[in-house]
């Protein structure tokens, strides 16, 4: 049996929508992010699949396959793993190794048959639905030291937030903290 793992970059106030490039310090030359990149690589090596909603999938499909000089390993990882896109409108994913899932019922079936972690990132609408349906087995949150005060959150106001159990916390030199939680 596989697991559905939600991996998100988030602000201290829970915003997961990348407004105005808030991922700083990411990409700044004066910040050493090598330890954070090592953690990302560890997680990629342990995953068997990538799951996304249509918009995130299309953005990734339009970017990562063209990254011939990618030293992060993300491009190679996405070439290697099975890719799943949840969409009611897409019929041809036009990315090798990709499968279109018609809805969250197919995500639940994928969870039952996957041979490892299937990781979703971004895809806020899809993630909200996975949380609502109790299909998330782990949350991996890279918490950035910034407060936005606006934007879509991982757990929207008024949503039923599951009880979470801390699995790991790891601080990085950049000030970003990785928090891993499991429901229950």
N, C-alpha and C. Protein backbone atom coordinates (compact mmCIF):
# COMPACT_ATOMS: atom_id res chain seq x y z
N UNK A 1 0.84 -1.19 0.00
CA UNK A 1 0.00 0.00 0.00
C UNK A 1 0.88 1.24 0.00
N UNK A 2 0.46 2.22 -0.76
CA UNK A 2 1.20 3.47 -0.84
C UNK A 2 0.68 4.49 0.16
N UNK A 3 1.30 5.63 0.11
CA UNK A 3 0.90 6.74 0.97
C UNK A 3 0.80 8.00 0.13
N UNK A 4 -0.14 8.85 0.49
CA UNK A 4 -0.25 10.17 -0.13
C UNK A 4 0.43 11.16 0.81
N UNK A 5 1.43 11.85 0.29
CA UNK A 5 2.22 12.78 1.09
C UNK A 5 2.06 14.18 0.49
N UNK A 6 1.60 15.11 1.32
CA UNK A 6 1.48 16.50 0.90
C UNK A 6 2.76 17.22 1.32
N UNK A 7 3.47 17.76 0.34
CA UNK A 7 4.67 18.56 0.60
C UNK A 7 4.38 19.97 0.13
N UNK A 8 4.48 20.91 1.05
CA UNK A 8 4.18 22.30 0.70
C UNK A 8 5.21 23.24 1.31
N UNK A 9 5.51 24.30 0.57
CA UNK A 9 6.20 25.44 1.15
C UNK A 9 5.11 26.31 1.76
N UNK A 10 5.33 26.76 2.98
CA UNK A 10 4.31 27.56 3.66
C UNK A 10 4.97 28.69 4.45
N UNK A 11 4.20 29.72 4.70
CA UNK A 11 4.67 30.82 5.54
C UNK A 11 4.31 30.50 6.99
N UNK A 12 4.80 31.31 7.90
CA UNK A 12 4.47 31.12 9.32
C UNK A 12 2.97 31.19 9.57
N UNK A 13 2.24 31.98 8.77
CA UNK A 13 0.80 32.10 8.96
C UNK A 13 0.02 31.14 8.07
N UNK A 14 0.69 30.11 7.52
CA UNK A 14 0.00 29.04 6.83
C UNK A 14 -0.34 29.26 5.38
N UNK A 15 0.18 30.32 4.76
CA UNK A 15 -0.10 30.59 3.36
C UNK A 15 0.76 29.67 2.49
N UNK A 16 0.12 28.96 1.57
CA UNK A 16 0.83 28.08 0.65
C UNK A 16 0.79 28.59 -0.79
N UNK A 17 0.09 29.67 -0.99
CA UNK A 17 0.00 30.27 -2.32
C UNK A 17 1.22 31.17 -2.52
N UNK A 18 1.97 30.95 -3.58
CA UNK A 18 3.23 31.67 -3.81
C UNK A 18 2.97 33.07 -4.35
N UNK A 19 2.54 33.95 -3.46
CA UNK A 19 2.27 35.33 -3.85
C UNK A 19 3.55 36.16 -3.82
N UNK A 20 3.78 36.93 -4.86
CA UNK A 20 4.88 37.90 -4.90
C UNK A 20 6.24 37.28 -4.58
N UNK A 21 6.45 36.02 -4.93
CA UNK A 21 7.76 35.41 -4.75
C UNK A 21 8.21 35.26 -3.31
N UNK A 22 7.31 34.91 -2.42
CA UNK A 22 7.65 34.85 -0.99
C UNK A 22 8.60 33.73 -0.63
N UNK A 23 9.04 32.92 -1.57
CA UNK A 23 9.93 31.82 -1.26
C UNK A 23 11.32 32.28 -0.84
N UNK A 24 11.55 33.58 -0.74
CA UNK A 24 12.83 34.06 -0.21
C UNK A 24 12.98 33.44 1.18
N UNK A 25 14.15 33.02 1.58
CA UNK A 25 15.44 33.28 0.99
C UNK A 25 15.82 32.39 -0.17
N UNK A 26 14.93 31.53 -0.64
CA UNK A 26 15.26 30.63 -1.74
C UNK A 26 15.81 31.42 -2.93
N UNK A 27 16.92 30.96 -3.46
CA UNK A 27 17.49 31.58 -4.63
C UNK A 27 18.38 32.77 -4.37
N UNK A 28 18.48 33.23 -3.12
CA UNK A 28 19.39 34.33 -2.82
C UNK A 28 20.81 33.80 -2.73
N UNK A 29 21.73 34.46 -3.37
CA UNK A 29 23.12 34.00 -3.41
C UNK A 29 23.78 34.04 -2.03
N UNK A 30 23.30 34.90 -1.13
CA UNK A 30 23.95 35.04 0.17
C UNK A 30 23.41 34.07 1.24
N UNK A 31 22.50 33.18 0.86
CA UNK A 31 21.92 32.22 1.80
C UNK A 31 22.32 30.81 1.39
N UNK A 32 22.93 30.08 2.33
CA UNK A 32 23.32 28.69 2.07
C UNK A 32 22.10 27.78 2.28
N UNK A 33 21.60 27.24 1.18
CA UNK A 33 20.44 26.36 1.24
C UNK A 33 20.80 24.90 0.99
N UNK A 34 22.08 24.58 1.04
CA UNK A 34 22.51 23.23 0.68
C UNK A 34 21.92 22.17 1.60
N UNK A 35 21.77 22.47 2.90
CA UNK A 35 21.19 21.48 3.81
C UNK A 35 19.70 21.26 3.52
N UNK A 36 19.02 22.31 3.12
CA UNK A 36 17.60 22.19 2.76
C UNK A 36 17.47 21.39 1.46
N UNK A 37 18.33 21.64 0.49
CA UNK A 37 18.29 20.89 -0.75
C UNK A 37 18.60 19.42 -0.50
N UNK A 38 19.49 19.14 0.44
CA UNK A 38 19.77 17.74 0.79
C UNK A 38 18.51 17.04 1.31
N UNK A 39 17.73 17.75 2.13
CA UNK A 39 16.49 17.18 2.66
C UNK A 39 15.48 16.94 1.54
N UNK A 40 15.40 17.85 0.60
CA UNK A 40 14.50 17.68 -0.54
C UNK A 40 14.93 16.45 -1.35
N UNK A 41 16.22 16.31 -1.56
CA UNK A 41 16.72 15.15 -2.32
C UNK A 41 16.42 13.84 -1.59
N UNK A 42 16.56 13.83 -0.26
CA UNK A 42 16.23 12.63 0.52
C UNK A 42 14.78 12.23 0.28
N UNK A 43 13.89 13.20 0.32
CA UNK A 43 12.46 12.95 0.14
C UNK A 43 12.16 12.48 -1.28
N UNK A 44 12.83 13.08 -2.26
CA UNK A 44 12.61 12.66 -3.64
C UNK A 44 13.05 11.21 -3.84
N UNK A 45 14.19 10.84 -3.26
CA UNK A 45 14.71 9.48 -3.42
C UNK A 45 13.76 8.44 -2.84
N UNK A 46 12.97 8.83 -1.85
CA UNK A 46 12.06 7.90 -1.18
C UNK A 46 10.68 7.85 -1.82
N UNK A 47 10.43 8.68 -2.84
CA UNK A 47 9.08 8.71 -3.40
C UNK A 47 8.98 7.92 -4.70
N UNK A 48 7.80 7.39 -4.93
CA UNK A 48 7.54 6.58 -6.11
C UNK A 48 6.70 7.31 -7.15
N UNK A 49 6.11 8.42 -6.75
CA UNK A 49 5.24 9.11 -7.70
C UNK A 49 5.01 10.55 -7.33
N UNK A 50 4.56 11.31 -8.32
CA UNK A 50 4.23 12.72 -8.18
C UNK A 50 2.77 12.90 -8.57
N UNK A 51 2.01 13.56 -7.73
CA UNK A 51 0.58 13.79 -7.93
C UNK A 51 0.32 15.29 -7.96
N UNK A 52 -0.47 15.73 -8.94
CA UNK A 52 -0.77 17.16 -9.04
C UNK A 52 -2.15 17.37 -9.61
N UNK A 53 -2.69 18.55 -9.33
CA UNK A 53 -3.88 19.01 -10.02
C UNK A 53 -3.46 19.49 -11.40
N UNK A 54 -4.42 19.75 -12.24
CA UNK A 54 -4.12 20.09 -13.64
C UNK A 54 -3.23 21.32 -13.78
N UNK A 55 -3.53 22.40 -13.07
CA UNK A 55 -2.75 23.63 -13.24
C UNK A 55 -1.29 23.45 -12.82
N UNK A 56 -1.07 22.83 -11.67
CA UNK A 56 0.30 22.58 -11.21
C UNK A 56 1.01 21.63 -12.17
N UNK A 57 0.31 20.58 -12.59
CA UNK A 57 0.88 19.62 -13.53
C UNK A 57 1.34 20.33 -14.81
N UNK A 58 0.47 21.17 -15.37
CA UNK A 58 0.82 21.87 -16.60
C UNK A 58 2.01 22.80 -16.40
N UNK A 59 2.08 23.46 -15.24
CA UNK A 59 3.23 24.33 -14.95
C UNK A 59 4.51 23.52 -14.85
N UNK A 60 4.45 22.39 -14.15
CA UNK A 60 5.63 21.52 -14.03
C UNK A 60 6.02 20.96 -15.40
N UNK A 61 5.04 20.49 -16.16
CA UNK A 61 5.29 19.91 -17.49
C UNK A 61 5.94 20.94 -18.41
N UNK A 62 5.55 22.18 -18.28
CA UNK A 62 6.11 23.24 -19.12
C UNK A 62 7.48 23.72 -18.68
N UNK A 63 7.91 23.34 -17.48
CA UNK A 63 9.18 23.84 -16.95
C UNK A 63 10.24 22.76 -16.80
N UNK A 64 9.95 21.72 -16.00
CA UNK A 64 11.00 20.78 -15.60
C UNK A 64 11.61 19.97 -16.73
N UNK A 65 10.88 19.49 -17.71
CA UNK A 65 11.53 18.71 -18.78
C UNK A 65 12.55 19.52 -19.58
N UNK A 66 12.45 20.85 -19.57
CA UNK A 66 13.38 21.69 -20.31
C UNK A 66 14.63 22.07 -19.51
N UNK A 67 14.70 21.67 -18.26
CA UNK A 67 15.83 22.06 -17.40
C UNK A 67 17.00 21.10 -17.58
N UNK A 68 17.80 21.33 -18.60
CA UNK A 68 18.91 20.43 -18.92
C UNK A 68 20.11 20.62 -18.00
N UNK A 69 20.19 21.72 -17.30
CA UNK A 69 21.33 22.00 -16.42
C UNK A 69 20.90 22.01 -14.95
N UNK A 70 19.83 21.32 -14.62
CA UNK A 70 19.29 21.29 -13.26
C UNK A 70 20.22 20.52 -12.33
N UNK A 71 20.77 21.19 -11.34
CA UNK A 71 21.65 20.53 -10.36
C UNK A 71 20.90 20.13 -9.09
N UNK A 72 19.62 20.51 -8.99
CA UNK A 72 18.84 20.17 -7.79
C UNK A 72 18.42 18.70 -7.78
N UNK A 73 18.31 18.11 -8.95
CA UNK A 73 17.84 16.74 -9.06
C UNK A 73 16.35 16.63 -9.30
N UNK A 74 15.63 17.74 -9.27
CA UNK A 74 14.17 17.70 -9.44
C UNK A 74 13.80 17.20 -10.84
N UNK A 75 14.47 17.72 -11.86
CA UNK A 75 14.17 17.31 -13.22
C UNK A 75 14.38 15.81 -13.41
N UNK A 76 15.52 15.30 -12.94
CA UNK A 76 15.80 13.86 -13.05
C UNK A 76 14.78 13.04 -12.27
N UNK A 77 14.40 13.53 -11.10
CA UNK A 77 13.40 12.83 -10.28
C UNK A 77 12.07 12.73 -11.03
N UNK A 78 11.62 13.84 -11.61
CA UNK A 78 10.35 13.83 -12.32
C UNK A 78 10.41 12.98 -13.59
N UNK A 79 11.57 12.86 -14.19
CA UNK A 79 11.72 11.94 -15.32
C UNK A 79 11.56 10.50 -14.87
N UNK A 80 12.01 10.19 -13.66
CA UNK A 80 12.07 8.81 -13.15
C UNK A 80 10.74 8.31 -12.61
N UNK A 81 10.02 9.14 -11.86
CA UNK A 81 8.84 8.66 -11.14
C UNK A 81 7.58 8.69 -12.00
N UNK A 82 6.60 7.91 -11.57
CA UNK A 82 5.27 7.96 -12.19
C UNK A 82 4.65 9.31 -11.84
N UNK A 83 3.96 9.88 -12.81
CA UNK A 83 3.31 11.17 -12.60
C UNK A 83 1.81 10.99 -12.80
N UNK A 84 1.05 11.61 -11.90
CA UNK A 84 -0.42 11.52 -11.94
C UNK A 84 -0.99 12.92 -11.91
N UNK A 85 -1.96 13.17 -12.77
CA UNK A 85 -2.63 14.46 -12.80
C UNK A 85 -4.12 14.21 -12.62
N UNK A 86 -4.72 14.91 -11.66
CA UNK A 86 -6.15 14.80 -11.43
C UNK A 86 -6.83 15.88 -12.26
N UNK A 87 -7.65 15.43 -13.22
CA UNK A 87 -8.31 16.38 -14.11
C UNK A 87 -9.55 15.74 -14.72
N UNK A 88 -10.58 16.54 -14.84
CA UNK A 88 -11.79 16.07 -15.54
C UNK A 88 -11.81 16.56 -16.99
N UNK A 89 -10.83 17.39 -17.36
CA UNK A 89 -10.82 17.95 -18.71
C UNK A 89 -9.65 17.44 -19.55
N UNK A 90 -8.57 17.02 -18.94
CA UNK A 90 -7.39 16.57 -19.68
C UNK A 90 -7.55 15.11 -20.08
N UNK A 91 -7.22 14.81 -21.32
CA UNK A 91 -7.25 13.42 -21.77
C UNK A 91 -5.84 12.91 -22.08
N UNK A 92 -4.98 13.77 -22.59
CA UNK A 92 -3.61 13.39 -22.92
C UNK A 92 -2.66 14.26 -22.10
N UNK A 93 -1.94 13.66 -21.14
CA UNK A 93 -1.07 14.46 -20.28
C UNK A 93 0.16 15.02 -21.00
N UNK A 94 0.52 14.45 -22.16
CA UNK A 94 1.65 14.93 -22.95
C UNK A 94 2.95 15.07 -22.14
N UNK A 95 3.17 14.10 -21.24
CA UNK A 95 4.42 14.03 -20.48
C UNK A 95 4.65 12.55 -20.20
N UNK A 96 5.75 12.01 -20.69
CA UNK A 96 6.04 10.58 -20.56
C UNK A 96 5.92 10.13 -19.11
N UNK A 97 5.31 8.96 -18.94
CA UNK A 97 5.17 8.39 -17.60
C UNK A 97 4.04 8.98 -16.78
N UNK A 98 3.12 9.68 -17.46
CA UNK A 98 2.01 10.35 -16.76
C UNK A 98 0.69 9.65 -17.00
N UNK A 99 -0.16 9.70 -15.99
CA UNK A 99 -1.49 9.11 -16.03
C UNK A 99 -2.50 10.14 -15.57
N UNK A 100 -3.61 10.25 -16.29
CA UNK A 100 -4.69 11.15 -15.89
C UNK A 100 -5.63 10.38 -14.97
N UNK A 101 -5.93 10.97 -13.82
CA UNK A 101 -6.92 10.43 -12.88
C UNK A 101 -8.14 11.32 -12.94
N UNK A 102 -9.32 10.72 -13.07
CA UNK A 102 -10.55 11.49 -13.26
C UNK A 102 -11.04 12.19 -11.99
N UNK A 103 -10.56 11.78 -10.84
CA UNK A 103 -11.01 12.42 -9.61
C UNK A 103 -10.37 11.79 -8.39
N UNK A 104 -10.84 12.22 -7.22
CA UNK A 104 -10.23 11.77 -5.97
C UNK A 104 -10.52 10.30 -5.67
N UNK A 105 -11.57 9.74 -6.24
CA UNK A 105 -11.81 8.30 -6.07
C UNK A 105 -10.64 7.51 -6.67
N UNK A 106 -10.13 7.99 -7.80
CA UNK A 106 -8.98 7.33 -8.41
C UNK A 106 -7.70 7.57 -7.60
N UNK A 107 -7.62 8.70 -6.90
CA UNK A 107 -6.48 8.94 -6.00
C UNK A 107 -6.53 7.94 -4.85
N UNK A 108 -7.71 7.70 -4.31
CA UNK A 108 -7.87 6.72 -3.22
C UNK A 108 -7.44 5.33 -3.70
N UNK A 109 -7.82 4.97 -4.93
CA UNK A 109 -7.42 3.68 -5.48
C UNK A 109 -5.91 3.62 -5.70
N UNK A 110 -5.33 4.73 -6.16
CA UNK A 110 -3.88 4.80 -6.35
C UNK A 110 -3.17 4.59 -5.01
N UNK A 111 -3.68 5.20 -3.99
CA UNK A 111 -3.11 5.06 -2.64
C UNK A 111 -3.08 3.59 -2.23
N UNK A 112 -4.11 2.84 -2.59
CA UNK A 112 -4.19 1.43 -2.21
C UNK A 112 -3.18 0.57 -2.97
N UNK A 113 -2.85 0.97 -4.19
CA UNK A 113 -1.99 0.10 -5.01
C UNK A 113 -0.55 0.61 -5.18
N UNK A 114 -0.28 1.85 -4.84
CA UNK A 114 1.05 2.41 -5.05
C UNK A 114 2.09 1.66 -4.22
N UNK A 115 3.27 1.56 -4.77
CA UNK A 115 4.35 0.85 -4.10
C UNK A 115 5.26 1.77 -3.31
N UNK A 116 4.79 2.91 -2.90
CA UNK A 116 5.60 3.86 -2.14
C UNK A 116 4.84 5.16 -2.00
N UNK A 117 5.57 6.17 -1.59
CA UNK A 117 4.97 7.49 -1.40
C UNK A 117 4.64 8.14 -2.74
N UNK A 118 3.44 8.68 -2.83
CA UNK A 118 3.04 9.51 -3.95
C UNK A 118 2.91 10.91 -3.37
N UNK A 119 3.74 11.81 -3.88
CA UNK A 119 3.89 13.14 -3.27
C UNK A 119 3.20 14.18 -4.12
N UNK A 120 2.43 15.03 -3.47
CA UNK A 120 1.83 16.17 -4.14
C UNK A 120 2.42 17.44 -3.58
N UNK A 121 2.59 18.42 -4.43
CA UNK A 121 3.07 19.73 -4.01
C UNK A 121 2.31 20.77 -4.81
N UNK A 122 2.18 21.97 -4.24
CA UNK A 122 1.33 22.96 -4.90
C UNK A 122 -0.09 22.42 -4.91
N UNK A 123 -0.77 22.52 -6.04
CA UNK A 123 -2.08 21.88 -6.23
C UNK A 123 -3.03 22.14 -5.06
N UNK A 124 -3.19 23.39 -4.69
CA UNK A 124 -3.92 23.75 -3.47
C UNK A 124 -5.35 23.22 -3.48
N UNK A 125 -6.05 23.35 -4.59
CA UNK A 125 -7.44 22.87 -4.65
C UNK A 125 -7.49 21.36 -4.44
N UNK A 126 -6.61 20.64 -5.11
CA UNK A 126 -6.55 19.18 -4.93
C UNK A 126 -6.20 18.82 -3.49
N UNK A 127 -5.22 19.49 -2.93
CA UNK A 127 -4.80 19.19 -1.55
C UNK A 127 -5.95 19.44 -0.58
N UNK A 128 -6.70 20.53 -0.75
CA UNK A 128 -7.85 20.78 0.11
C UNK A 128 -8.84 19.62 0.06
N UNK A 129 -9.06 19.08 -1.14
CA UNK A 129 -9.99 17.96 -1.29
C UNK A 129 -9.41 16.69 -0.65
N UNK A 130 -8.12 16.44 -0.81
CA UNK A 130 -7.48 15.27 -0.18
C UNK A 130 -7.59 15.34 1.34
N UNK A 131 -7.38 16.55 1.89
CA UNK A 131 -7.51 16.73 3.34
C UNK A 131 -8.95 16.46 3.77
N UNK A 132 -9.90 17.04 3.04
CA UNK A 132 -11.32 16.88 3.38
C UNK A 132 -11.72 15.41 3.37
N UNK A 133 -11.17 14.64 2.44
CA UNK A 133 -11.53 13.23 2.30
C UNK A 133 -10.65 12.30 3.15
N UNK A 134 -9.78 12.88 3.96
CA UNK A 134 -8.89 12.11 4.84
C UNK A 134 -8.01 11.14 4.04
N UNK A 135 -7.46 11.62 2.92
CA UNK A 135 -6.60 10.80 2.09
C UNK A 135 -5.11 11.12 2.26
N UNK A 136 -4.78 12.03 3.18
CA UNK A 136 -3.39 12.42 3.37
C UNK A 136 -2.77 11.58 4.50
N UNK A 137 -1.65 10.94 4.18
CA UNK A 137 -0.95 10.10 5.16
C UNK A 137 0.19 10.84 5.86
N UNK A 138 0.70 11.88 5.22
CA UNK A 138 1.77 12.67 5.84
C UNK A 138 1.76 14.07 5.25
N UNK A 139 2.08 15.03 6.11
CA UNK A 139 2.26 16.42 5.71
C UNK A 139 3.73 16.76 5.90
N UNK A 140 4.40 17.26 4.85
CA UNK A 140 5.78 17.73 4.93
C UNK A 140 5.73 19.21 4.62
N UNK A 141 5.95 20.01 5.62
CA UNK A 141 5.82 21.45 5.48
C UNK A 141 7.18 22.12 5.63
N UNK A 142 7.60 22.81 4.58
CA UNK A 142 8.80 23.64 4.65
C UNK A 142 8.30 25.04 5.03
N UNK A 143 8.51 25.40 6.29
CA UNK A 143 7.97 26.65 6.82
C UNK A 143 9.02 27.76 6.65
N UNK A 144 8.65 28.77 5.86
CA UNK A 144 9.53 29.90 5.59
C UNK A 144 9.29 31.00 6.61
N UNK A 145 10.34 31.69 7.05
CA UNK A 145 10.22 32.70 8.10
C UNK A 145 9.67 34.02 7.57
N UNK A 146 8.41 33.97 7.17
CA UNK A 146 7.74 35.16 6.64
C UNK A 146 6.25 35.05 6.97
N UNK A 147 5.61 36.20 7.15
CA UNK A 147 4.17 36.28 7.37
C UNK A 147 3.60 37.14 6.25
N UNK A 148 2.62 36.60 5.53
CA UNK A 148 2.01 37.34 4.42
C UNK A 148 0.69 37.99 4.81
N UNK A 149 -0.10 37.30 5.63
CA UNK A 149 -1.39 37.86 6.02
C UNK A 149 -2.48 37.72 4.98
N UNK A 150 -2.16 37.17 3.82
CA UNK A 150 -3.15 36.96 2.76
C UNK A 150 -2.69 35.82 1.89
N UNK A 151 -3.64 35.24 1.19
CA UNK A 151 -3.33 34.13 0.29
C UNK A 151 -3.98 32.85 0.78
N UNK A 152 -4.04 31.89 -0.12
CA UNK A 152 -4.68 30.61 0.21
C UNK A 152 -3.80 29.83 1.18
N UNK A 153 -4.47 29.19 2.13
CA UNK A 153 -3.77 28.46 3.17
C UNK A 153 -3.95 26.95 3.00
N UNK A 154 -3.05 26.20 3.61
CA UNK A 154 -3.14 24.75 3.58
C UNK A 154 -4.45 24.30 4.20
N UNK A 155 -4.80 24.89 5.33
CA UNK A 155 -6.07 24.58 5.99
C UNK A 155 -6.91 25.86 5.99
N UNK A 156 -7.84 25.96 5.04
CA UNK A 156 -8.63 27.19 4.93
C UNK A 156 -9.48 27.43 6.17
N UNK A 157 -9.80 28.68 6.38
CA UNK A 157 -10.64 29.06 7.51
C UNK A 157 -11.95 28.28 7.45
N UNK A 158 -12.34 27.72 8.58
CA UNK A 158 -13.58 26.96 8.67
C UNK A 158 -13.44 25.50 8.29
N UNK A 159 -12.26 25.08 7.84
CA UNK A 159 -12.10 23.67 7.47
C UNK A 159 -11.84 22.82 8.71
N UNK A 160 -12.16 21.56 8.61
CA UNK A 160 -11.89 20.62 9.69
C UNK A 160 -10.41 20.24 9.61
N UNK A 161 -9.64 20.67 10.59
CA UNK A 161 -8.21 20.39 10.61
C UNK A 161 -7.99 19.08 11.35
N UNK A 162 -7.32 18.13 10.71
CA UNK A 162 -7.10 16.84 11.38
C UNK A 162 -6.13 16.99 12.55
N UNK A 163 -6.28 16.11 13.55
CA UNK A 163 -5.29 16.06 14.62
C UNK A 163 -3.99 15.56 14.01
N UNK A 164 -2.90 16.19 14.36
CA UNK A 164 -1.62 15.85 13.75
C UNK A 164 -0.61 15.44 14.82
N UNK A 165 0.24 14.49 14.45
CA UNK A 165 1.30 13.98 15.33
C UNK A 165 2.63 14.31 14.67
N UNK A 166 3.52 14.99 15.41
CA UNK A 166 4.81 15.39 14.87
C UNK A 166 5.71 14.18 14.65
N UNK A 167 6.25 14.06 13.44
CA UNK A 167 7.19 12.99 13.11
C UNK A 167 8.63 13.48 13.11
N UNK A 168 8.82 14.75 12.70
CA UNK A 168 10.18 15.29 12.59
C UNK A 168 10.11 16.80 12.53
N UNK A 169 11.11 17.44 13.09
CA UNK A 169 11.33 18.86 12.86
C UNK A 169 12.82 19.05 12.61
N UNK A 170 13.12 19.83 11.58
CA UNK A 170 14.51 20.05 11.20
C UNK A 170 14.68 21.49 10.75
N UNK A 171 15.59 22.20 11.39
CA UNK A 171 15.86 23.59 11.03
C UNK A 171 17.02 23.63 10.04
N UNK A 172 16.95 24.56 9.09
CA UNK A 172 17.99 24.74 8.09
C UNK A 172 18.67 26.08 8.29
N UNK A 173 19.87 26.21 7.75
CA UNK A 173 20.65 27.45 7.90
C UNK A 173 19.92 28.67 7.36
N UNK A 174 19.05 28.47 6.39
CA UNK A 174 18.32 29.58 5.76
C UNK A 174 17.25 30.17 6.67
N UNK A 175 16.92 29.47 7.77
CA UNK A 175 15.81 29.89 8.62
C UNK A 175 14.54 29.12 8.33
N UNK A 176 14.52 28.36 7.26
CA UNK A 176 13.39 27.50 6.93
C UNK A 176 13.41 26.29 7.87
N UNK A 177 12.22 25.81 8.25
CA UNK A 177 12.09 24.65 9.11
C UNK A 177 11.22 23.61 8.40
N UNK A 178 11.67 22.36 8.40
CA UNK A 178 10.86 21.26 7.88
C UNK A 178 10.10 20.65 9.06
N UNK A 179 8.78 20.58 8.93
CA UNK A 179 7.92 19.93 9.91
C UNK A 179 7.19 18.81 9.21
N UNK A 180 7.34 17.60 9.73
CA UNK A 180 6.64 16.45 9.17
C UNK A 180 5.60 15.97 10.19
N UNK A 181 4.37 15.80 9.72
CA UNK A 181 3.26 15.37 10.58
C UNK A 181 2.52 14.20 9.94
N UNK A 182 1.97 13.37 10.79
CA UNK A 182 1.04 12.32 10.35
C UNK A 182 -0.30 12.59 11.03
N UNK A 183 -1.40 12.28 10.36
CA UNK A 183 -2.70 12.41 11.02
C UNK A 183 -2.77 11.48 12.23
N UNK A 184 -3.48 11.96 13.24
CA UNK A 184 -3.73 11.11 14.40
C UNK A 184 -2.81 11.39 15.51
